[in-house]
């Protein structure tokens, strides 16, 4: 039993350490911080505004001709988007780089397409 508790403790320690490495810590600003504007296209199309905060948290506003929705996610140290999914099931996949523009794919149910954003 003591051996199982020891292994569980080690596993938890390494898991938490890995999470700390991947996310932006509070002492540093995300290099992607700022407001990014762009579009998404495919079966659905519209505009995107992505605000990246100092901590690496981000907020997405997606607008099309009929509606808009706001949802949150996270950006990892390498620029990879993480858990960027709306209540309607629309989600973004890709990496934001620290250059002028970035792109990726979006999915919602059986629909998909591409997105592109530029930092303002």
PDB file of N, CA and C in Angstrom:
ATOM      1  N   UNK A   1       0.826  -1.196   0.000  1.00  0.00           N
ATOM      2  CA  UNK A   1       0.000   0.000   0.000  1.00  0.00           C
ATOM      3  C   UNK A   1       0.877   1.270   0.000  1.00  0.00           C
ATOM      4  N   UNK A   2       1.921   1.268   0.820  1.00  0.00           N
ATOM      5  CA  UNK A   2       2.832   2.413   0.860  1.00  0.00           C
ATOM      6  C   UNK A   2       3.489   2.620  -0.493  1.00  0.00           C
ATOM      7  N   UNK A   3       3.799   1.515  -1.182  1.00  0.00           N
ATOM      8  CA  UNK A   3       4.409   1.581  -2.500  1.00  0.00           C
ATOM      9  C   UNK A   3       3.468   2.246  -3.504  1.00  0.00           C
ATOM     10  N   UNK A   4       2.174   1.934  -3.452  1.00  0.00           N
ATOM     11  CA  UNK A   4       1.176   2.538  -4.350  1.00  0.00           C
ATOM     12  C   UNK A   4       1.046   4.030  -4.097  1.00  0.00           C
ATOM     13  N   UNK A   5       1.039   4.410  -2.831  1.00  0.00           N
ATOM     14  CA  UNK A   5       0.940   5.833  -2.484  1.00  0.00           C
ATOM     15  C   UNK A   5       2.186   6.571  -2.972  1.00  0.00           C
ATOM     16  N   UNK A   6       3.356   5.941  -2.826  1.00  0.00           N
ATOM     17  CA  UNK A   6       4.589   6.543  -3.306  1.00  0.00           C
ATOM     18  C   UNK A   6       4.551   6.754  -4.820  1.00  0.00           C
ATOM     19  N   UNK A   7       4.129   5.724  -5.560  1.00  0.00           N
ATOM     20  CA  UNK A   7       4.039   5.850  -7.022  1.00  0.00           C
ATOM     21  C   UNK A   7       3.043   6.916  -7.435  1.00  0.00           C
ATOM     22  N   UNK A   8       1.906   6.972  -6.755  1.00  0.00           N
ATOM     23  CA  UNK A   8       0.899   7.991  -7.058  1.00  0.00           C
ATOM     24  C   UNK A   8       1.464   9.388  -6.815  1.00  0.00           C
ATOM     25  N   UNK A   9       2.208   9.548  -5.731  1.00  0.00           N
ATOM     26  CA  UNK A   9       2.824  10.851  -5.433  1.00  0.00           C
ATOM     27  C   UNK A   9       3.814  11.260  -6.509  1.00  0.00           C
ATOM     28  N   UNK A  10       4.631  10.336  -6.960  1.00  0.00           N
ATOM     29  CA  UNK A  10       5.619  10.623  -8.013  1.00  0.00           C
ATOM     30  C   UNK A  10       4.912  11.001  -9.308  1.00  0.00           C
ATOM     31  N   UNK A  11       3.889  10.236  -9.681  1.00  0.00           N
ATOM     32  CA  UNK A  11       3.131  10.513 -10.904  1.00  0.00           C
ATOM     33  C   UNK A  11       2.506  11.906 -10.850  1.00  0.00           C
ATOM     34  N   UNK A  12       1.910  12.253  -9.718  1.00  0.00           N
ATOM     35  CA  UNK A  12       1.283  13.565  -9.565  1.00  0.00           C
ATOM     36  C   UNK A  12       2.314  14.673  -9.675  1.00  0.00           C
ATOM     37  N   UNK A  13       3.469  14.487  -9.065  1.00  0.00           N
ATOM     38  CA  UNK A  13       4.535  15.483  -9.110  1.00  0.00           C
ATOM     39  C   UNK A  13       4.967  15.752 -10.545  1.00  0.00           C
ATOM     40  N   UNK A  14       5.217  14.694 -11.320  1.00  0.00           N
ATOM     41  CA  UNK A  14       5.643  14.867 -12.706  1.00  0.00           C
ATOM     42  C   UNK A  14       4.532  15.435 -13.582  1.00  0.00           C
ATOM     43  N   UNK A  15       3.298  15.070 -13.321  1.00  0.00           N
ATOM     44  CA  UNK A  15       2.170  15.612 -14.098  1.00  0.00           C
ATOM     45  C   UNK A  15       2.047  17.109 -13.885  1.00  0.00           C
ATOM     46  N   UNK A  16       2.127  17.541 -12.636  1.00  0.00           N
ATOM     47  CA  UNK A  16       2.020  18.969 -12.338  1.00  0.00           C
ATOM     48  C   UNK A  16       3.209  19.729 -12.907  1.00  0.00           C
ATOM     49  N   UNK A  17       4.386  19.126 -12.833  1.00  0.00           N
ATOM     50  CA  UNK A  17       5.580  19.760 -13.382  1.00  0.00           C
ATOM     51  C   UNK A  17       5.432  19.953 -14.882  1.00  0.00           C
ATOM     52  N   UNK A  18       4.883  18.983 -15.591  1.00  0.00           N
ATOM     53  CA  UNK A  18       4.685  19.073 -17.043  1.00  0.00           C
ATOM     54  C   UNK A  18       3.704  20.191 -17.368  1.00  0.00           C
ATOM     55  N   UNK A  19       2.610  20.313 -16.595  1.00  0.00           N
ATOM     56  CA  UNK A  19       1.637  21.375 -16.831  1.00  0.00           C
ATOM     57  C   UNK A  19       2.286  22.734 -16.659  1.00  0.00           C
ATOM     58  N   UNK A  20       3.161  22.873 -15.668  1.00  0.00           N
ATOM     59  CA  UNK A  20       3.832  24.139 -15.422  1.00  0.00           C
ATOM     60  C   UNK A  20       4.735  24.506 -16.590  1.00  0.00           C
ATOM     61  N   UNK A  21       5.390  23.516 -17.190  1.00  0.00           N
ATOM     62  CA  UNK A  21       6.280  23.788 -18.320  1.00  0.00           C
ATOM     63  C   UNK A  21       5.517  24.272 -19.542  1.00  0.00           C
ATOM     64  N   UNK A  22       4.312  23.742 -19.760  1.00  0.00           N
ATOM     65  CA  UNK A  22       3.588  24.027 -20.991  1.00  0.00           C
ATOM     66  C   UNK A  22       2.826  25.345 -20.966  1.00  0.00           C
ATOM     67  N   UNK A  23       2.355  25.760 -19.821  1.00  0.00           N
ATOM     68  CA  UNK A  23       1.562  26.978 -19.759  1.00  0.00           C
ATOM     69  C   UNK A  23       2.435  28.161 -19.369  1.00  0.00           C
ATOM     70  N   UNK A  24       1.946  29.351 -19.635  1.00  0.00           N
ATOM     71  CA  UNK A  24       2.663  30.578 -19.297  1.00  0.00           C
ATOM     72  C   UNK A  24       2.555  30.783 -17.787  1.00  0.00           C
ATOM     73  N   UNK A  25       3.670  30.988 -17.102  1.00  0.00           N
ATOM     74  CA  UNK A  25       3.568  31.238 -15.669  1.00  0.00           C
ATOM     75  C   UNK A  25       3.302  32.719 -15.412  1.00  0.00           C
ATOM     76  N   UNK A  26       2.905  33.004 -14.169  1.00  0.00           N
ATOM     77  CA  UNK A  26       2.485  34.365 -13.818  1.00  0.00           C
ATOM     78  C   UNK A  26       3.626  35.374 -13.851  1.00  0.00           C
ATOM     79  N   UNK A  27       4.884  34.930 -13.784  1.00  0.00           N
ATOM     80  CA  UNK A  27       5.987  35.876 -13.747  1.00  0.00           C
ATOM     81  C   UNK A  27       6.385  36.366 -15.142  1.00  0.00           C
ATOM     82  N   UNK A  28       5.882  35.741 -16.193  1.00  0.00           N
ATOM     83  CA  UNK A  28       6.230  36.129 -17.555  1.00  0.00           C
ATOM     84  C   UNK A  28       4.982  36.529 -18.320  1.00  0.00           C
ATOM     85  N   UNK A  29       5.152  37.403 -19.257  1.00  0.00           N
ATOM     86  CA  UNK A  29       4.057  37.754 -20.153  1.00  0.00           C
ATOM     87  C   UNK A  29       4.109  36.841 -21.360  1.00  0.00           C
ATOM     88  N   UNK A  30       2.946  36.483 -21.852  1.00  0.00           N
ATOM     89  CA  UNK A  30       2.888  35.693 -23.074  1.00  0.00           C
ATOM     90  C   UNK A  30       3.427  36.532 -24.224  1.00  0.00           C
ATOM     91  N   UNK A  31       4.318  35.979 -25.040  1.00  0.00           N
ATOM     92  CA  UNK A  31       4.822  36.730 -26.193  1.00  0.00           C
ATOM     93  C   UNK A  31       3.742  36.965 -27.248  1.00  0.00           C
ATOM     94  N   UNK A  32       2.617  36.291 -27.100  1.00  0.00           N
ATOM     95  CA  UNK A  32       1.510  36.405 -28.060  1.00  0.00           C
ATOM     96  C   UNK A  32       0.452  37.394 -27.590  1.00  0.00           C
ATOM     97  N   UNK A  33       0.701  38.034 -26.446  1.00  0.00           N
ATOM     98  CA  UNK A  33      -0.254  38.960 -25.854  1.00  0.00           C
ATOM     99  C   UNK A  33      -0.644  40.048 -26.844  1.00  0.00           C
ATOM    100  N   UNK A  34      -1.931  40.349 -26.890  1.00  0.00           N
ATOM    101  CA  UNK A  34      -2.425  41.394 -27.768  1.00  0.00           C
ATOM    102  C   UNK A  34      -3.721  40.988 -28.441  1.00  0.00           C
ATOM    103  N   UNK A  35      -4.139  41.784 -29.390  1.00  0.00           N
ATOM    104  CA  UNK A  35      -5.388  41.538 -30.101  1.00  0.00           C
ATOM    105  C   UNK A  35      -5.070  41.126 -31.533  1.00  0.00           C
ATOM    106  N   UNK A  36      -5.685  40.041 -31.956  1.00  0.00           N
ATOM    107  CA  UNK A  36      -5.505  39.475 -33.283  1.00  0.00           C
ATOM    108  C   UNK A  36      -6.843  39.514 -34.001  1.00  0.00           C
ATOM    109  N   UNK A  37      -6.858  39.973 -35.248  1.00  0.00           N
ATOM    110  CA  UNK A  37      -8.091  40.039 -36.040  1.00  0.00           C
ATOM    111  C   UNK A  37      -7.934  39.170 -37.273  1.00  0.00           C
ATOM    112  N   UNK A  38      -9.045  38.561 -37.692  1.00  0.00           N
ATOM    113  CA  UNK A  38      -8.975  37.757 -38.901  1.00  0.00           C
ATOM    114  C   UNK A  38     -10.311  37.186 -39.308  1.00  0.00           C
ATOM    115  N   UNK A  39     -10.236  36.155 -40.114  1.00  0.00           N
ATOM    116  CA  UNK A  39     -11.435  35.536 -40.683  1.00  0.00           C
ATOM    117  C   UNK A  39     -11.337  34.021 -40.604  1.00  0.00           C
ATOM    118  N   UNK A  40     -12.495  33.379 -40.737  1.00  0.00           N
ATOM    119  CA  UNK A  40     -12.544  31.937 -40.919  1.00  0.00           C
ATOM    120  C   UNK A  40     -13.403  31.680 -42.139  1.00  0.00           C
ATOM    121  N   UNK A  41     -13.080  30.626 -42.884  1.00  0.00           N
ATOM    122  CA  UNK A  41     -13.784  30.336 -44.131  1.00  0.00           C
ATOM    123  C   UNK A  41     -13.926  28.833 -44.292  1.00  0.00           C
ATOM    124  N   UNK A  42     -14.825  28.450 -45.155  1.00  0.00           N
ATOM    125  CA  UNK A  42     -15.144  27.052 -45.404  1.00  0.00           C
ATOM    126  C   UNK A  42     -16.653  26.950 -45.553  1.00  0.00           C
ATOM    127  N   UNK A  43     -17.242  25.908 -44.998  1.00  0.00           N
ATOM    128  CA  UNK A  43     -18.704  25.785 -45.044  1.00  0.00           C
ATOM    129  C   UNK A  43     -19.353  26.965 -44.324  1.00  0.00           C
ATOM    130  N   UNK A  44     -18.754  27.394 -43.226  1.00  0.00           N
ATOM    131  CA  UNK A  44     -19.172  28.592 -42.491  1.00  0.00           C
ATOM    132  C   UNK A  44     -18.088  29.643 -42.681  1.00  0.00           C
ATOM    133  N   UNK A  45     -18.445  30.913 -42.580  1.00  0.00           N
ATOM    134  CA  UNK A  45     -17.437  31.960 -42.698  1.00  0.00           C
ATOM    135  C   UNK A  45     -17.837  33.151 -41.846  1.00  0.00           C
ATOM    136  N   UNK A  46     -16.838  33.923 -41.470  1.00  0.00           N
ATOM    137  CA  UNK A  46     -17.089  35.104 -40.657  1.00  0.00           C
ATOM    138  C   UNK A  46     -15.781  35.699 -40.166  1.00  0.00           C
ATOM    139  N   UNK A  47     -15.883  36.486 -39.091  1.00  0.00           N
ATOM    140  CA  UNK A  47     -14.737  37.203 -38.536  1.00  0.00           C
ATOM    141  C   UNK A  47     -14.362  36.664 -37.167  1.00  0.00           C
ATOM    142  N   UNK A  48     -13.082  36.749 -36.856  1.00  0.00           N
ATOM    143  CA  UNK A  48     -12.554  36.348 -35.557  1.00  0.00           C
ATOM    144  C   UNK A  48     -11.801  37.509 -34.925  1.00  0.00           C
ATOM    145  N   UNK A  49     -11.983  37.686 -33.637  1.00  0.00           N
ATOM    146  CA  UNK A  49     -11.150  38.569 -32.833  1.00  0.00           C
ATOM    147  C   UNK A  49     -10.647  37.729 -31.673  1.00  0.00           C
ATOM    148  N   UNK A  50      -9.343  37.599 -31.557  1.00  0.00           N
ATOM    149  CA  UNK A  50      -8.745  36.811 -30.486  1.00  0.00           C
ATOM    150  C   UNK A  50      -7.902  37.734 -29.628  1.00  0.00           C
ATOM    151  N   UNK A  51      -8.234  37.805 -28.353  1.00  0.00           N
ATOM    152  CA  UNK A  51      -7.475  38.598 -27.394  1.00  0.00           C
ATOM    153  C   UNK A  51      -6.666  37.641 -26.537  1.00  0.00           C
ATOM    154  N   UNK A  52      -5.340  37.782 -26.577  1.00  0.00           N
ATOM    155  CA  UNK A  52      -4.451  36.964 -25.758  1.00  0.00           C
ATOM    156  C   UNK A  52      -4.001  37.818 -24.586  1.00  0.00           C
ATOM    157  N   UNK A  53      -4.228  37.303 -23.384  1.00  0.00           N
ATOM    158  CA  UNK A  53      -3.882  38.025 -22.169  1.00  0.00           C
ATOM    159  C   UNK A  53      -2.480  37.648 -21.684  1.00  0.00           C
ATOM    160  N   UNK A  54      -1.956  38.408 -20.745  1.00  0.00           N
ATOM    161  CA  UNK A  54      -0.609  38.232 -20.210  1.00  0.00           C
ATOM    162  C   UNK A  54      -0.364  36.800 -19.740  1.00  0.00           C
ATOM    163  N   UNK A  55      -1.362  36.182 -19.136  1.00  0.00           N
ATOM    164  CA  UNK A  55      -1.217  34.838 -18.566  1.00  0.00           C
ATOM    165  C   UNK A  55      -1.250  33.728 -19.610  1.00  0.00           C
ATOM    166  N   UNK A  56      -1.611  34.055 -20.850  1.00  0.00           N
ATOM    167  CA  UNK A  56      -1.769  33.035 -21.875  1.00  0.00           C
ATOM    168  C   UNK A  56      -3.217  32.623 -22.067  1.00  0.00           C
ATOM    169  N   UNK A  57      -4.096  33.133 -21.204  1.00  0.00           N
ATOM    170  CA  UNK A  57      -5.522  32.908 -21.421  1.00  0.00           C
ATOM    171  C   UNK A  57      -5.934  33.699 -22.657  1.00  0.00           C
ATOM    172  N   UNK A  58      -6.930  33.203 -23.376  1.00  0.00           N
ATOM    173  CA  UNK A  58      -7.393  33.955 -24.530  1.00  0.00           C
ATOM    174  C   UNK A  58      -8.903  33.944 -24.625  1.00  0.00           C
ATOM    175  N   UNK A  59      -9.418  34.951 -25.310  1.00  0.00           N
ATOM    176  CA  UNK A  59     -10.850  35.082 -25.550  1.00  0.00           C
ATOM    177  C   UNK A  59     -11.061  35.243 -27.046  1.00  0.00           C
ATOM    178  N   UNK A  60     -12.004  34.473 -27.577  1.00  0.00           N
ATOM    179  CA  UNK A  60     -12.311  34.507 -28.995  1.00  0.00           C
ATOM    180  C   UNK A  60     -13.717  35.055 -29.176  1.00  0.00           C
ATOM    181  N   UNK A  61     -13.869  36.011 -30.090  1.00  0.00           N
ATOM    182  CA  UNK A  61     -15.189  36.470 -30.510  1.00  0.00           C
ATOM    183  C   UNK A  61     -15.320  36.060 -31.974  1.00  0.00           C
ATOM    184  N   UNK A  62     -16.326  35.223 -32.226  1.00  0.00           N
ATOM    185  CA  UNK A  62     -16.587  34.735 -33.588  1.00  0.00           C
ATOM    186  C   UNK A  62     -17.899  35.343 -34.058  1.00  0.00           C
ATOM    187  N   UNK A  63     -17.858  36.012 -35.207  1.00  0.00           N
ATOM    188  CA  UNK A  63     -19.048  36.649 -35.760  1.00  0.00           C
ATOM    189  C   UNK A  63     -19.280  36.164 -37.182  1.00  0.00           C
ATOM    190  N   UNK A  64     -20.555  35.872 -37.480  1.00  0.00           N
ATOM    191  CA  UNK A  64     -20.943  35.612 -38.864  1.00  0.00           C
ATOM    192  C   UNK A  64     -22.094  36.540 -39.201  1.00  0.00           C
ATOM    193  N   UNK A  65     -22.717  36.336 -40.314  1.00  0.00           N
ATOM    194  CA  UNK A  65     -23.757  37.260 -40.770  1.00  0.00           C
ATOM    195  C   UNK A  65     -24.980  37.282 -39.843  1.00  0.00           C
ATOM    196  N   UNK A  66     -25.225  36.181 -39.130  1.00  0.00           N
ATOM    197  CA  UNK A  66     -26.426  36.073 -38.302  1.00  0.00           C
ATOM    198  C   UNK A  66     -26.214  36.130 -36.804  1.00  0.00           C
ATOM    199  N   UNK A  67     -25.005  35.863 -36.335  1.00  0.00           N
ATOM    200  CA  UNK A  67     -24.820  35.755 -34.890  1.00  0.00           C
ATOM    201  C   UNK A  67     -23.373  35.992 -34.490  1.00  0.00           C
ATOM    202  N   UNK A  68     -23.155  35.976 -33.188  1.00  0.00           N
ATOM    203  CA  UNK A  68     -21.794  36.031 -32.658  1.00  0.00           C
ATOM    204  C   UNK A  68     -21.754  35.233 -31.366  1.00  0.00           C
ATOM    205  N   UNK A  69     -20.577  34.774 -31.034  1.00  0.00           N
ATOM    206  CA  UNK A  69     -20.383  34.068 -29.777  1.00  0.00           C
ATOM    207  C   UNK A  69     -18.992  34.347 -29.255  1.00  0.00           C
ATOM    208  N   UNK A  70     -18.859  34.276 -27.948  1.00  0.00           N
ATOM    209  CA  UNK A  70     -17.589  34.517 -27.283  1.00  0.00           C
ATOM    210  C   UNK A  70     -17.228  33.266 -26.493  1.00  0.00           C
ATOM    211  N   UNK A  71     -15.962  32.856 -26.578  1.00  0.00           N
ATOM    212  CA  UNK A  71     -15.518  31.697 -25.820  1.00  0.00           C
ATOM    213  C   UNK A  71     -14.053  31.859 -25.458  1.00  0.00           C
ATOM    214  N   UNK A  72     -13.588  31.035 -24.550  1.00  0.00           N
ATOM    215  CA  UNK A  72     -12.239  31.162 -24.014  1.00  0.00           C
ATOM    216  C   UNK A  72     -11.397  29.944 -24.358  1.00  0.00           C
ATOM    217  N   UNK A  73     -10.113  30.078 -24.089  1.00  0.00           N
ATOM    218  CA  UNK A  73      -9.158  28.991 -24.267  1.00  0.00           C
ATOM    219  C   UNK A  73      -7.834  29.383 -23.662  1.00  0.00           C
ATOM    220  N   UNK A  74      -6.797  28.721 -24.097  1.00  0.00           N
ATOM    221  CA  UNK A  74      -5.460  28.943 -23.565  1.00  0.00           C
ATOM    222  C   UNK A  74      -4.466  28.857 -24.707  1.00  0.00           C
ATOM    223  N   UNK A  75      -3.366  29.558 -24.583  1.00  0.00           N
ATOM    224  CA  UNK A  75      -2.272  29.420 -25.538  1.00  0.00           C
ATOM    225  C   UNK A  75      -1.043  28.965 -24.763  1.00  0.00           C
ATOM    226  N   UNK A  76      -0.400  27.913 -25.253  1.00  0.00           N
ATOM    227  CA  UNK A  76       0.779  27.375 -24.588  1.00  0.00           C
ATOM    228  C   UNK A  76       2.018  28.182 -24.976  1.00  0.00           C
ATOM    229  N   UNK A  77       3.120  27.939 -24.300  1.00  0.00           N
ATOM    230  CA  UNK A  77       4.356  28.697 -24.548  1.00  0.00           C
ATOM    231  C   UNK A  77       4.811  28.655 -25.998  1.00  0.00           C
ATOM    232  N   UNK A  78       4.555  27.528 -26.676  1.00  0.00           N
ATOM    233  CA  UNK A  78       4.989  27.408 -28.067  1.00  0.00           C
ATOM    234  C   UNK A  78       3.978  27.979 -29.057  1.00  0.00           C
ATOM    235  N   UNK A  79       2.874  28.559 -28.548  1.00  0.00           N
ATOM    236  CA  UNK A  79       1.869  29.175 -29.406  1.00  0.00           C
ATOM    237  C   UNK A  79       0.712  28.267 -29.770  1.00  0.00           C
ATOM    238  N   UNK A  80       0.754  27.012 -29.336  1.00  0.00           N
ATOM    239  CA  UNK A  80      -0.325  26.075 -29.635  1.00  0.00           C
ATOM    240  C   UNK A  80      -1.598  26.464 -28.902  1.00  0.00           C
ATOM    241  N   UNK A  81      -2.715  26.486 -29.618  1.00  0.00           N
ATOM    242  CA  UNK A  81      -4.007  26.762 -29.005  1.00  0.00           C
ATOM    243  C   UNK A  81      -4.467  25.528 -28.236  1.00  0.00           C
ATOM    244  N   UNK A  82      -5.045  25.749 -27.056  1.00  0.00           N
ATOM    245  CA  UNK A  82      -5.475  24.647 -26.209  1.00  0.00           C
ATOM    246  C   UNK A  82      -6.887  24.912 -25.685  1.00  0.00           C
ATOM    247  N   UNK A  83      -7.764  23.952 -25.862  1.00  0.00           N
ATOM    248  CA  UNK A  83      -9.140  24.028 -25.354  1.00  0.00           C
ATOM    249  C   UNK A  83      -9.882  25.277 -25.830  1.00  0.00           C
ATOM    250  N   UNK A  84      -9.761  25.591 -27.090  1.00  0.00           N
ATOM    251  CA  UNK A  84     -10.414  26.768 -27.667  1.00  0.00           C
ATOM    252  C   UNK A  84     -11.696  26.300 -28.354  1.00  0.00           C
ATOM    253  N   UNK A  85     -12.725  26.037 -27.532  1.00  0.00           N
ATOM    254  CA  UNK A  85     -13.976  25.456 -28.004  1.00  0.00           C
ATOM    255  C   UNK A  85     -15.158  26.253 -27.470  1.00  0.00           C
ATOM    256  N   UNK A  86     -16.116  26.535 -28.343  1.00  0.00           N
ATOM    257  CA  UNK A  86     -17.312  27.274 -27.941  1.00  0.00           C
ATOM    258  C   UNK A  86     -18.407  26.316 -27.485  1.00  0.00           C
ATOM    259  N   UNK A  87     -19.446  26.875 -26.876  1.00  0.00           N
ATOM    260  CA  UNK A  87     -20.600  26.073 -26.462  1.00  0.00           C
ATOM    261  C   UNK A  87     -21.305  25.435 -27.654  1.00  0.00           C
ATOM    262  N   UNK A  88     -21.212  26.034 -28.823  1.00  0.00           N
ATOM    263  CA  UNK A  88     -21.860  25.496 -30.016  1.00  0.00           C
ATOM    264  C   UNK A  88     -21.038  24.378 -30.662  1.00  0.00           C
ATOM    265  N   UNK A  89     -19.839  24.109 -30.139  1.00  0.00           N
ATOM    266  CA  UNK A  89     -18.986  23.064 -30.682  1.00  0.00           C
ATOM    267  C   UNK A  89     -17.979  23.544 -31.702  1.00  0.00           C
ATOM    268  N   UNK A  90     -17.951  24.837 -31.983  1.00  0.00           N
ATOM    269  CA  UNK A  90     -16.955  25.418 -32.900  1.00  0.00           C
ATOM    270  C   UNK A  90     -15.623  25.444 -32.164  1.00  0.00           C
ATOM    271  N   UNK A  91     -14.564  24.947 -32.801  1.00  0.00           N
ATOM    272  CA  UNK A  91     -13.260  25.024 -32.151  1.00  0.00           C
ATOM    273  C   UNK A  91     -12.146  25.292 -33.142  1.00  0.00           C
ATOM    274  N   UNK A  92     -11.097  25.907 -32.608  1.00  0.00           N
ATOM    275  CA  UNK A  92      -9.931  26.285 -33.393  1.00  0.00           C
ATOM    276  C   UNK A  92      -8.779  25.340 -33.097  1.00  0.00           C
ATOM    277  N   UNK A  93      -8.056  24.966 -34.150  1.00  0.00           N
ATOM    278  CA  UNK A  93      -6.865  24.138 -34.032  1.00  0.00           C
ATOM    279  C   UNK A  93      -5.739  24.890 -34.742  1.00  0.00           C
ATOM    280  N   UNK A  94      -4.596  24.961 -34.096  1.00  0.00           N
ATOM    281  CA  UNK A  94      -3.479  25.618 -34.755  1.00  0.00           C
ATOM    282  C   UNK A  94      -2.506  26.213 -33.769  1.00  0.00           C
ATOM    283  N   UNK A  95      -1.595  26.971 -34.307  1.00  0.00           N
ATOM    284  CA  UNK A  95      -0.550  27.603 -33.521  1.00  0.00           C
ATOM    285  C   UNK A  95      -0.457  29.064 -33.930  1.00  0.00           C
ATOM    286  N   UNK A  96      -0.397  29.927 -32.946  1.00  0.00           N
ATOM    287  CA  UNK A  96      -0.166  31.347 -33.205  1.00  0.00           C
ATOM    288  C   UNK A  96       1.335  31.567 -33.099  1.00  0.00           C
ATOM    289  N   UNK A  97       1.903  32.197 -34.110  1.00  0.00           N
ATOM    290  CA  UNK A  97       3.321  32.521 -34.011  1.00  0.00           C
ATOM    291  C   UNK A  97       3.450  33.998 -33.680  1.00  0.00           C
ATOM    292  N   UNK A  98       4.622  34.413 -33.342  1.00  0.00           N
ATOM    293  CA  UNK A  98       4.818  35.791 -32.898  1.00  0.00           C
ATOM    294  C   UNK A  98       5.141  36.722 -34.059  1.00  0.00           C
ATOM    295  N   UNK A  99       4.789  36.307 -35.263  1.00  0.00           N
ATOM    296  CA  UNK A  99       5.016  37.137 -36.433  1.00  0.00           C
ATOM    297  C   UNK A  99       3.738  37.877 -36.779  1.00  0.00           C
ATOM    298  N   UNK A 100       3.620  38.357 -37.975  1.00  0.00           N
ATOM    299  CA  UNK A 100       2.493  39.191 -38.376  1.00  0.00           C
ATOM    300  C   UNK A 100       1.187  38.419 -38.476  1.00  0.00           C
ATOM    301  N   UNK A 101       1.205  37.186 -39.015  1.00  0.00           N
ATOM    302  CA  UNK A 101      -0.043  36.456 -39.171  1.00  0.00           C
ATOM    303  C   UNK A 101       0.114  34.992 -38.791  1.00  0.00           C
ATOM    304  N   UNK A 102      -1.015  34.356 -38.491  1.00  0.00           N
ATOM    305  CA  UNK A 102      -1.057  32.946 -38.128  1.00  0.00           C
ATOM    306  C   UNK A 102      -2.307  32.339 -38.734  1.00  0.00           C
ATOM    307  N   UNK A 103      -2.292  31.013 -38.887  1.00  0.00           N
ATOM    308  CA  UNK A 103      -3.456  30.355 -39.466  1.00  0.00           C
ATOM    309  C   UNK A 103      -3.589  28.942 -38.914  1.00  0.00           C
ATOM    310  N   UNK A 104      -4.748  28.339 -39.179  1.00  0.00           N
ATOM    311  CA  UNK A 104      -5.016  26.983 -38.723  1.00  0.00           C
ATOM    312  C   UNK A 104      -6.321  26.498 -39.311  1.00  0.00           C
ATOM    313  N   UNK A 105      -6.898  25.503 -38.661  1.00  0.00           N
ATOM    314  CA  UNK A 105      -8.187  24.992 -39.114  1.00  0.00           C
ATOM    315  C   UNK A 105      -9.223  25.142 -38.013  1.00  0.00           C
ATOM    316  N   UNK A 106     -10.483  25.160 -38.406  1.00  0.00           N
ATOM    317  CA  UNK A 106     -11.591  25.163 -37.459  1.00  0.00           C
ATOM    318  C   UNK A 106     -12.484  23.980 -37.778  1.00  0.00           C
ATOM    319  N   UNK A 107     -13.220  23.530 -36.765  1.00  0.00           N
ATOM    320  CA  UNK A 107     -14.179  22.440 -36.951  1.00  0.00           C
ATOM    321  C   UNK A 107     -15.424  22.732 -36.134  1.00  0.00           C
ATOM    322  N   UNK A 108     -16.556  22.247 -36.636  1.00  0.00           N
ATOM    323  CA  UNK A 108     -17.813  22.285 -35.899  1.00  0.00           C
ATOM    324  C   UNK A 108     -18.698  21.179 -36.467  1.00  0.00           C
ATOM    325  N   UNK A 109     -18.935  20.163 -35.641  1.00  0.00           N
ATOM    326  CA  UNK A 109     -19.663  18.982 -36.094  1.00  0.00           C
ATOM    327  C   UNK A 109     -18.964  18.407 -37.325  1.00  0.00           C
ATOM    328  N   UNK A 110     -19.666  18.249 -38.431  1.00  0.00           N
ATOM    329  CA  UNK A 110     -19.046  17.678 -39.636  1.00  0.00           C
ATOM    330  C   UNK A 110     -18.461  18.748 -40.552  1.00  0.00           C
ATOM    331  N   UNK A 111     -18.542  20.013 -40.154  1.00  0.00           N
ATOM    332  CA  UNK A 111     -18.031  21.107 -40.977  1.00  0.00           C
ATOM    333  C   UNK A 111     -16.605  21.460 -40.568  1.00  0.00           C
ATOM    334  N   UNK A 112     -15.854  21.995 -41.514  1.00  0.00           N
ATOM    335  CA  UNK A 112     -14.498  22.445 -41.195  1.00  0.00           C
ATOM    336  C   UNK A 112     -14.065  23.483 -42.218  1.00  0.00           C
ATOM    337  N   UNK A 113     -12.972  24.116 -41.918  1.00  0.00           N
ATOM    338  CA  UNK A 113     -12.422  25.132 -42.810  1.00  0.00           C
ATOM    339  C   UNK A 113     -11.118  25.652 -42.252  1.00  0.00           C
ATOM    340  N   UNK A 114     -10.722  26.813 -42.712  1.00  0.00           N
ATOM    341  CA  UNK A 114      -9.464  27.412 -42.287  1.00  0.00           C
ATOM    342  C   UNK A 114      -9.715  28.757 -41.610  1.00  0.00           C
ATOM    343  N   UNK A 115      -8.755  29.206 -40.833  1.00  0.00           N
ATOM    344  CA  UNK A 115      -8.798  30.536 -40.243  1.00  0.00           C
ATOM    345  C   UNK A 115      -7.433  31.192 -40.410  1.00  0.00           C
ATOM    346  N   UNK A 116      -7.451  32.516 -40.405  1.00  0.00           N
ATOM    347  CA  UNK A 116      -6.218  33.297 -40.486  1.00  0.00           C
ATOM    348  C   UNK A 116      -6.406  34.552 -39.662  1.00  0.00           C
ATOM    349  N   UNK A 117      -5.402  34.909 -38.886  1.00  0.00           N
ATOM    350  CA  UNK A 117      -5.460  36.116 -38.065  1.00  0.00           C
ATOM    351  C   UNK A 117      -4.161  36.903 -38.204  1.00  0.00           C
ATOM    352  N   UNK A 118      -4.258  38.194 -37.919  1.00  0.00           N
ATOM    353  CA  UNK A 118      -3.089  39.076 -37.921  1.00  0.00           C
ATOM    354  C   UNK A 118      -3.097  39.881 -36.629  1.00  0.00           C
ATOM    355  N   UNK A 119      -1.917  40.086 -36.068  1.00  0.00           N
ATOM    356  CA  UNK A 119      -1.798  40.857 -34.845  1.00  0.00           C
ATOM    357  C   UNK A 119      -1.882  42.337 -35.144  1.00  0.00           C
ATOM    358  N   UNK A 120      -2.639  43.046 -34.348  1.00  0.00           N
ATOM    359  CA  UNK A 120      -2.802  44.488 -34.529  1.00  0.00           C
ATOM    360  C   UNK A 120      -1.864  45.250 -33.632  1.00  0.00           C
TER     361      UNK A 120
END
